[in-house]
Amino acid sequence: MDDVYEANGPKEFPLPKGQPLLIEEPSVQATGEDRGVKGFIERWKKEVLDKIQYLKESLEQANKDKEALSQELDRLQMELEGSKERNKALEGQLSETLDTFYTLLNDVSRALEE
């Protein structure tokens, strides 16, 4: 699962095994409560929640794809069973045709001998 996320996930999320670093970026001008540890925790919490949402949506899409594939597989299996039945019927017809052919061939052979 980590490989899938790392390959397809947004780059701004932390790595799943990574630990948050307590670094205050000087370019961010936060006011009051948003500064320091509390601001860091809120940002990290948002990133984790965003990642969870991304994984949840990916899982839901994978389940939908799985269901669609399952239905397609069921349809193909039904077609295969129908094809097997048709194959048996055609084999029976071929057997009857060959029996008729050999019977006629024997009749012609006997007629030519007389």
N, C-alpha and C. Protein backbone atom coordinates (compact mmCIF):
# COMPACT_ATOMS: atom_id res chain seq x y z
N MET A 1 0.82 -1.18 0.00
CA MET A 1 0.00 0.00 0.00
C MET A 1 0.87 1.25 0.00
N ASP A 2 1.98 1.20 0.73
CA ASP A 2 2.87 2.36 0.77
C ASP A 2 3.43 2.66 -0.61
N ASP A 3 3.76 1.62 -1.37
CA ASP A 3 4.30 1.83 -2.71
C ASP A 3 3.29 2.51 -3.61
N VAL A 4 2.02 2.09 -3.50
CA VAL A 4 0.97 2.68 -4.32
C VAL A 4 0.83 4.15 -3.96
N TYR A 5 0.82 4.45 -2.67
CA TYR A 5 0.66 5.83 -2.25
C TYR A 5 1.85 6.67 -2.70
N GLU A 6 3.05 6.15 -2.50
CA GLU A 6 4.24 6.91 -2.87
C GLU A 6 4.29 7.17 -4.37
N ALA A 7 3.79 6.23 -5.16
CA ALA A 7 3.81 6.40 -6.61
C ALA A 7 2.71 7.34 -7.09
N ASN A 8 1.55 7.32 -6.45
CA ASN A 8 0.40 8.06 -6.95
C ASN A 8 -0.07 9.21 -6.08
N GLY A 9 0.37 9.26 -4.85
CA GLY A 9 -0.13 10.26 -3.91
C GLY A 9 0.45 11.65 -4.17
N PRO A 10 -0.27 12.64 -3.68
CA PRO A 10 0.25 14.00 -3.80
C PRO A 10 1.60 14.13 -3.08
N LYS A 11 2.47 14.93 -3.61
CA LYS A 11 3.83 15.05 -3.06
C LYS A 11 3.87 15.84 -1.76
N GLU A 12 2.84 16.65 -1.46
CA GLU A 12 2.92 17.48 -0.26
C GLU A 12 2.62 16.73 1.03
N PHE A 13 2.18 15.47 0.94
CA PHE A 13 1.95 14.70 2.15
C PHE A 13 3.26 14.12 2.66
N PRO A 14 3.37 13.92 3.97
CA PRO A 14 4.59 13.29 4.49
C PRO A 14 4.60 11.81 4.12
N LEU A 15 5.78 11.23 4.11
CA LEU A 15 5.88 9.80 3.85
C LEU A 15 5.19 9.04 4.98
N PRO A 16 4.56 7.91 4.68
CA PRO A 16 3.83 7.19 5.73
C PRO A 16 4.68 6.79 6.92
N LYS A 17 5.95 6.50 6.71
CA LYS A 17 6.82 6.08 7.82
C LYS A 17 7.63 7.25 8.39
N GLY A 18 7.48 8.41 7.80
CA GLY A 18 8.25 9.56 8.24
C GLY A 18 7.71 10.16 9.53
N GLN A 19 8.56 10.74 10.29
CA GLN A 19 8.17 11.42 11.52
C GLN A 19 8.10 12.92 11.25
N PRO A 20 7.15 13.59 11.86
CA PRO A 20 7.07 15.03 11.65
C PRO A 20 8.29 15.74 12.26
N LEU A 21 8.75 16.73 11.57
CA LEU A 21 9.85 17.52 12.08
C LEU A 21 9.30 18.83 12.61
N LEU A 22 9.77 19.21 13.77
CA LEU A 22 9.31 20.44 14.39
C LEU A 22 10.19 21.58 13.89
N ILE A 23 9.85 22.06 12.71
CA ILE A 23 10.62 23.15 12.11
C ILE A 23 9.64 24.27 11.78
N GLU A 24 9.94 25.42 12.25
CA GLU A 24 9.10 26.56 11.93
C GLU A 24 9.72 27.26 10.74
N GLU A 25 8.93 27.34 9.67
CA GLU A 25 9.44 27.97 8.47
C GLU A 25 9.34 29.49 8.61
N PRO A 26 10.43 30.18 8.31
CA PRO A 26 10.41 31.63 8.47
C PRO A 26 9.53 32.32 7.44
N SER A 27 9.27 31.65 6.30
CA SER A 27 8.46 32.29 5.27
C SER A 27 6.99 32.34 5.65
N VAL A 28 6.59 31.51 6.61
CA VAL A 28 5.19 31.49 7.04
C VAL A 28 5.03 32.51 8.17
N GLN A 29 4.20 33.47 7.94
CA GLN A 29 3.94 34.48 8.97
C GLN A 29 2.63 34.14 9.65
N ALA A 30 2.71 33.39 10.72
CA ALA A 30 1.51 32.99 11.46
C ALA A 30 1.25 33.98 12.58
N THR A 31 0.02 34.04 12.96
CA THR A 31 -0.34 34.97 14.03
C THR A 31 -0.73 34.20 15.28
N GLY A 32 -0.37 34.68 16.38
CA GLY A 32 -0.78 34.18 17.69
C GLY A 32 -0.69 32.68 17.85
N GLU A 33 -1.87 32.01 17.88
CA GLU A 33 -1.96 30.59 18.17
C GLU A 33 -1.36 29.72 17.07
N ASP A 34 -1.30 30.22 15.85
CA ASP A 34 -0.79 29.41 14.74
C ASP A 34 0.72 29.26 14.77
N ARG A 35 1.38 29.92 15.62
CA ARG A 35 2.84 29.83 15.67
C ARG A 35 3.25 28.75 16.64
N GLY A 36 4.43 28.22 16.43
CA GLY A 36 5.00 27.26 17.37
C GLY A 36 4.43 25.86 17.22
N VAL A 37 4.46 25.16 18.35
CA VAL A 37 4.08 23.75 18.36
C VAL A 37 2.62 23.56 17.97
N LYS A 38 1.74 24.38 18.47
CA LYS A 38 0.32 24.23 18.18
C LYS A 38 0.06 24.38 16.68
N GLY A 39 0.66 25.34 16.05
CA GLY A 39 0.50 25.53 14.61
C GLY A 39 1.05 24.35 13.83
N PHE A 40 2.20 23.87 14.29
CA PHE A 40 2.81 22.70 13.64
C PHE A 40 1.88 21.50 13.73
N ILE A 41 1.33 21.27 14.92
CA ILE A 41 0.45 20.12 15.13
C ILE A 41 -0.79 20.25 14.26
N GLU A 42 -1.36 21.42 14.16
CA GLU A 42 -2.54 21.63 13.33
C GLU A 42 -2.23 21.37 11.86
N ARG A 43 -1.07 21.84 11.39
CA ARG A 43 -0.69 21.60 9.98
C ARG A 43 -0.47 20.10 9.75
N TRP A 44 0.22 19.46 10.66
CA TRP A 44 0.49 18.04 10.51
C TRP A 44 -0.81 17.23 10.58
N LYS A 45 -1.71 17.63 11.48
CA LYS A 45 -3.01 16.97 11.60
C LYS A 45 -3.79 17.09 10.29
N LYS A 46 -3.75 18.27 9.69
CA LYS A 46 -4.44 18.47 8.41
C LYS A 46 -3.83 17.59 7.32
N GLU A 47 -2.52 17.50 7.29
CA GLU A 47 -1.85 16.66 6.30
C GLU A 47 -2.22 15.19 6.48
N VAL A 48 -2.28 14.74 7.73
CA VAL A 48 -2.65 13.35 8.01
C VAL A 48 -4.09 13.10 7.59
N LEU A 49 -4.99 14.01 7.93
CA LEU A 49 -6.39 13.86 7.54
C LEU A 49 -6.55 13.88 6.03
N ASP A 50 -5.79 14.74 5.35
CA ASP A 50 -5.83 14.76 3.88
C ASP A 50 -5.36 13.44 3.30
N LYS A 51 -4.31 12.89 3.88
CA LYS A 51 -3.80 11.60 3.41
C LYS A 51 -4.82 10.50 3.65
N ILE A 52 -5.46 10.50 4.81
CA ILE A 52 -6.49 9.51 5.11
C ILE A 52 -7.63 9.63 4.11
N GLN A 53 -8.04 10.85 3.81
CA GLN A 53 -9.12 11.06 2.83
C GLN A 53 -8.71 10.55 1.46
N TYR A 54 -7.47 10.82 1.06
CA TYR A 54 -6.96 10.34 -0.23
C TYR A 54 -6.98 8.82 -0.28
N LEU A 55 -6.51 8.17 0.78
CA LEU A 55 -6.49 6.71 0.83
C LEU A 55 -7.90 6.13 0.85
N LYS A 56 -8.81 6.80 1.55
CA LYS A 56 -10.20 6.35 1.60
C LYS A 56 -10.82 6.42 0.20
N GLU A 57 -10.61 7.51 -0.50
CA GLU A 57 -11.15 7.65 -1.86
C GLU A 57 -10.52 6.62 -2.80
N SER A 58 -9.22 6.38 -2.64
CA SER A 58 -8.56 5.37 -3.46
C SER A 58 -9.12 3.98 -3.18
N LEU A 59 -9.37 3.68 -1.92
CA LEU A 59 -9.95 2.39 -1.56
C LEU A 59 -11.36 2.24 -2.13
N GLU A 60 -12.16 3.29 -2.03
CA GLU A 60 -13.52 3.25 -2.58
C GLU A 60 -13.48 3.02 -4.09
N GLN A 61 -12.57 3.71 -4.77
CA GLN A 61 -12.45 3.53 -6.22
C GLN A 61 -11.99 2.11 -6.55
N ALA A 62 -11.05 1.60 -5.77
CA ALA A 62 -10.57 0.23 -6.00
C ALA A 62 -11.70 -0.78 -5.78
N ASN A 63 -12.55 -0.55 -4.78
CA ASN A 63 -13.69 -1.44 -4.54
C ASN A 63 -14.69 -1.38 -5.68
N LYS A 64 -14.93 -0.17 -6.22
CA LYS A 64 -15.82 -0.04 -7.37
C LYS A 64 -15.24 -0.77 -8.58
N ASP A 65 -13.94 -0.60 -8.80
CA ASP A 65 -13.29 -1.29 -9.92
C ASP A 65 -13.36 -2.80 -9.73
N LYS A 66 -13.15 -3.25 -8.50
CA LYS A 66 -13.22 -4.69 -8.21
C LYS A 66 -14.61 -5.23 -8.49
N GLU A 67 -15.64 -4.49 -8.09
CA GLU A 67 -17.02 -4.92 -8.33
C GLU A 67 -17.31 -4.98 -9.83
N ALA A 68 -16.86 -3.97 -10.57
CA ALA A 68 -17.07 -3.97 -12.02
C ALA A 68 -16.35 -5.15 -12.67
N LEU A 69 -15.15 -5.43 -12.24
CA LEU A 69 -14.40 -6.56 -12.78
C LEU A 69 -15.06 -7.89 -12.42
N SER A 70 -15.60 -7.96 -11.22
CA SER A 70 -16.30 -9.16 -10.79
C SER A 70 -17.53 -9.41 -11.66
N GLN A 71 -18.27 -8.36 -11.95
CA GLN A 71 -19.44 -8.50 -12.82
C GLN A 71 -19.02 -8.91 -14.23
N GLU A 72 -17.96 -8.33 -14.73
CA GLU A 72 -17.44 -8.69 -16.06
C GLU A 72 -17.00 -10.15 -16.07
N LEU A 73 -16.36 -10.59 -15.01
CA LEU A 73 -15.92 -11.99 -14.91
C LEU A 73 -17.13 -12.93 -14.90
N ASP A 74 -18.17 -12.57 -14.15
CA ASP A 74 -19.38 -13.39 -14.12
C ASP A 74 -20.01 -13.48 -15.51
N ARG A 75 -20.06 -12.36 -16.23
CA ARG A 75 -20.62 -12.34 -17.58
C ARG A 75 -19.80 -13.23 -18.51
N LEU A 76 -18.48 -13.13 -18.42
CA LEU A 76 -17.62 -13.95 -19.28
C LEU A 76 -17.74 -15.44 -18.95
N GLN A 77 -17.91 -15.76 -17.67
CA GLN A 77 -18.08 -17.16 -17.29
C GLN A 77 -19.41 -17.71 -17.83
N MET A 78 -20.46 -16.89 -17.81
CA MET A 78 -21.73 -17.31 -18.38
C MET A 78 -21.59 -17.55 -19.88
N GLU A 79 -20.88 -16.66 -20.57
CA GLU A 79 -20.65 -16.84 -22.00
C GLU A 79 -19.84 -18.10 -22.27
N LEU A 80 -18.86 -18.37 -21.42
CA LEU A 80 -18.05 -19.57 -21.57
C LEU A 80 -18.90 -20.82 -21.41
N GLU A 81 -19.77 -20.85 -20.42
CA GLU A 81 -20.66 -21.99 -20.23
C GLU A 81 -21.56 -22.17 -21.44
N GLY A 82 -22.09 -21.07 -21.97
CA GLY A 82 -22.93 -21.14 -23.18
C GLY A 82 -22.13 -21.67 -24.35
N SER A 83 -20.89 -21.25 -24.47
CA SER A 83 -20.03 -21.73 -25.55
C SER A 83 -19.75 -23.21 -25.41
N LYS A 84 -19.56 -23.67 -24.18
CA LYS A 84 -19.32 -25.10 -23.96
C LYS A 84 -20.54 -25.92 -24.39
N GLU A 85 -21.73 -25.43 -24.04
CA GLU A 85 -22.95 -26.12 -24.44
C GLU A 85 -23.08 -26.15 -25.96
N ARG A 86 -22.80 -25.03 -26.59
CA ARG A 86 -22.87 -24.95 -28.06
C ARG A 86 -21.83 -25.88 -28.69
N ASN A 87 -20.65 -25.96 -28.09
CA ASN A 87 -19.59 -26.85 -28.57
C ASN A 87 -20.05 -28.31 -28.51
N LYS A 88 -20.70 -28.69 -27.40
CA LYS A 88 -21.20 -30.06 -27.27
C LYS A 88 -22.24 -30.36 -28.34
N ALA A 89 -23.13 -29.41 -28.58
CA ALA A 89 -24.16 -29.60 -29.60
C ALA A 89 -23.52 -29.75 -30.98
N LEU A 90 -22.53 -28.93 -31.28
CA LEU A 90 -21.86 -29.02 -32.58
C LEU A 90 -21.09 -30.33 -32.72
N GLU A 91 -20.48 -30.80 -31.64
CA GLU A 91 -19.78 -32.09 -31.69
C GLU A 91 -20.76 -33.22 -31.97
N GLY A 92 -21.96 -33.16 -31.37
CA GLY A 92 -22.99 -34.16 -31.63
C GLY A 92 -23.42 -34.14 -33.08
N GLN A 93 -23.63 -32.93 -33.63
CA GLN A 93 -24.02 -32.81 -35.03
C GLN A 93 -22.92 -33.33 -35.95
N LEU A 94 -21.66 -33.03 -35.63
CA LEU A 94 -20.54 -33.53 -36.43
C LEU A 94 -20.49 -35.05 -36.39
N SER A 95 -20.72 -35.62 -35.23
CA SER A 95 -20.70 -37.08 -35.10
C SER A 95 -21.81 -37.70 -35.96
N GLU A 96 -23.00 -37.11 -35.90
CA GLU A 96 -24.11 -37.61 -36.72
C GLU A 96 -23.80 -37.47 -38.21
N THR A 97 -23.21 -36.36 -38.60
CA THR A 97 -22.86 -36.13 -40.00
C THR A 97 -21.81 -37.13 -40.46
N LEU A 98 -20.81 -37.39 -39.64
CA LEU A 98 -19.78 -38.37 -39.99
C LEU A 98 -20.37 -39.77 -40.10
N ASP A 99 -21.28 -40.12 -39.19
CA ASP A 99 -21.94 -41.43 -39.27
C ASP A 99 -22.70 -41.55 -40.58
N THR A 100 -23.43 -40.50 -40.94
CA THR A 100 -24.18 -40.51 -42.19
C THR A 100 -23.23 -40.62 -43.38
N PHE A 101 -22.13 -39.88 -43.35
CA PHE A 101 -21.16 -39.91 -44.44
C PHE A 101 -20.58 -41.32 -44.61
N TYR A 102 -20.16 -41.94 -43.50
CA TYR A 102 -19.57 -43.28 -43.57
C TYR A 102 -20.61 -44.31 -44.02
N THR A 103 -21.84 -44.14 -43.59
CA THR A 103 -22.90 -45.05 -44.03
C THR A 103 -23.11 -44.93 -45.53
N LEU A 104 -23.18 -43.69 -46.02
CA LEU A 104 -23.34 -43.48 -47.46
C LEU A 104 -22.13 -44.00 -48.23
N LEU A 105 -20.95 -43.80 -47.70
CA LEU A 105 -19.73 -44.27 -48.35
C LEU A 105 -19.74 -45.80 -48.45
N ASN A 106 -20.16 -46.45 -47.38
CA ASN A 106 -20.26 -47.92 -47.40
C ASN A 106 -21.32 -48.37 -48.42
N ASP A 107 -22.46 -47.66 -48.47
CA ASP A 107 -23.51 -48.01 -49.43
C ASP A 107 -23.01 -47.86 -50.86
N VAL A 108 -22.29 -46.77 -51.14
CA VAL A 108 -21.74 -46.54 -52.48
C VAL A 108 -20.70 -47.60 -52.80
N SER A 109 -19.87 -47.94 -51.82
CA SER A 109 -18.84 -48.96 -52.03
C SER A 109 -19.48 -50.30 -52.36
N ARG A 110 -20.54 -50.69 -51.63
CA ARG A 110 -21.24 -51.95 -51.89
C ARG A 110 -21.93 -51.92 -53.26
N ALA A 111 -22.47 -50.75 -53.59
CA ALA A 111 -23.14 -50.64 -54.88
C ALA A 111 -22.15 -50.77 -56.03
N LEU A 112 -20.98 -50.26 -55.88
CA LEU A 112 -19.96 -50.35 -56.91
C LEU A 112 -19.43 -51.77 -57.05
N GLU A 113 -19.42 -52.52 -55.96
CA GLU A 113 -18.94 -53.89 -55.99
C GLU A 113 -19.93 -54.79 -56.71
N GLU A 114 -21.18 -54.48 -56.72
CA GLU A 114 -22.19 -55.32 -57.36
C GLU A 114 -22.26 -55.15 -58.81
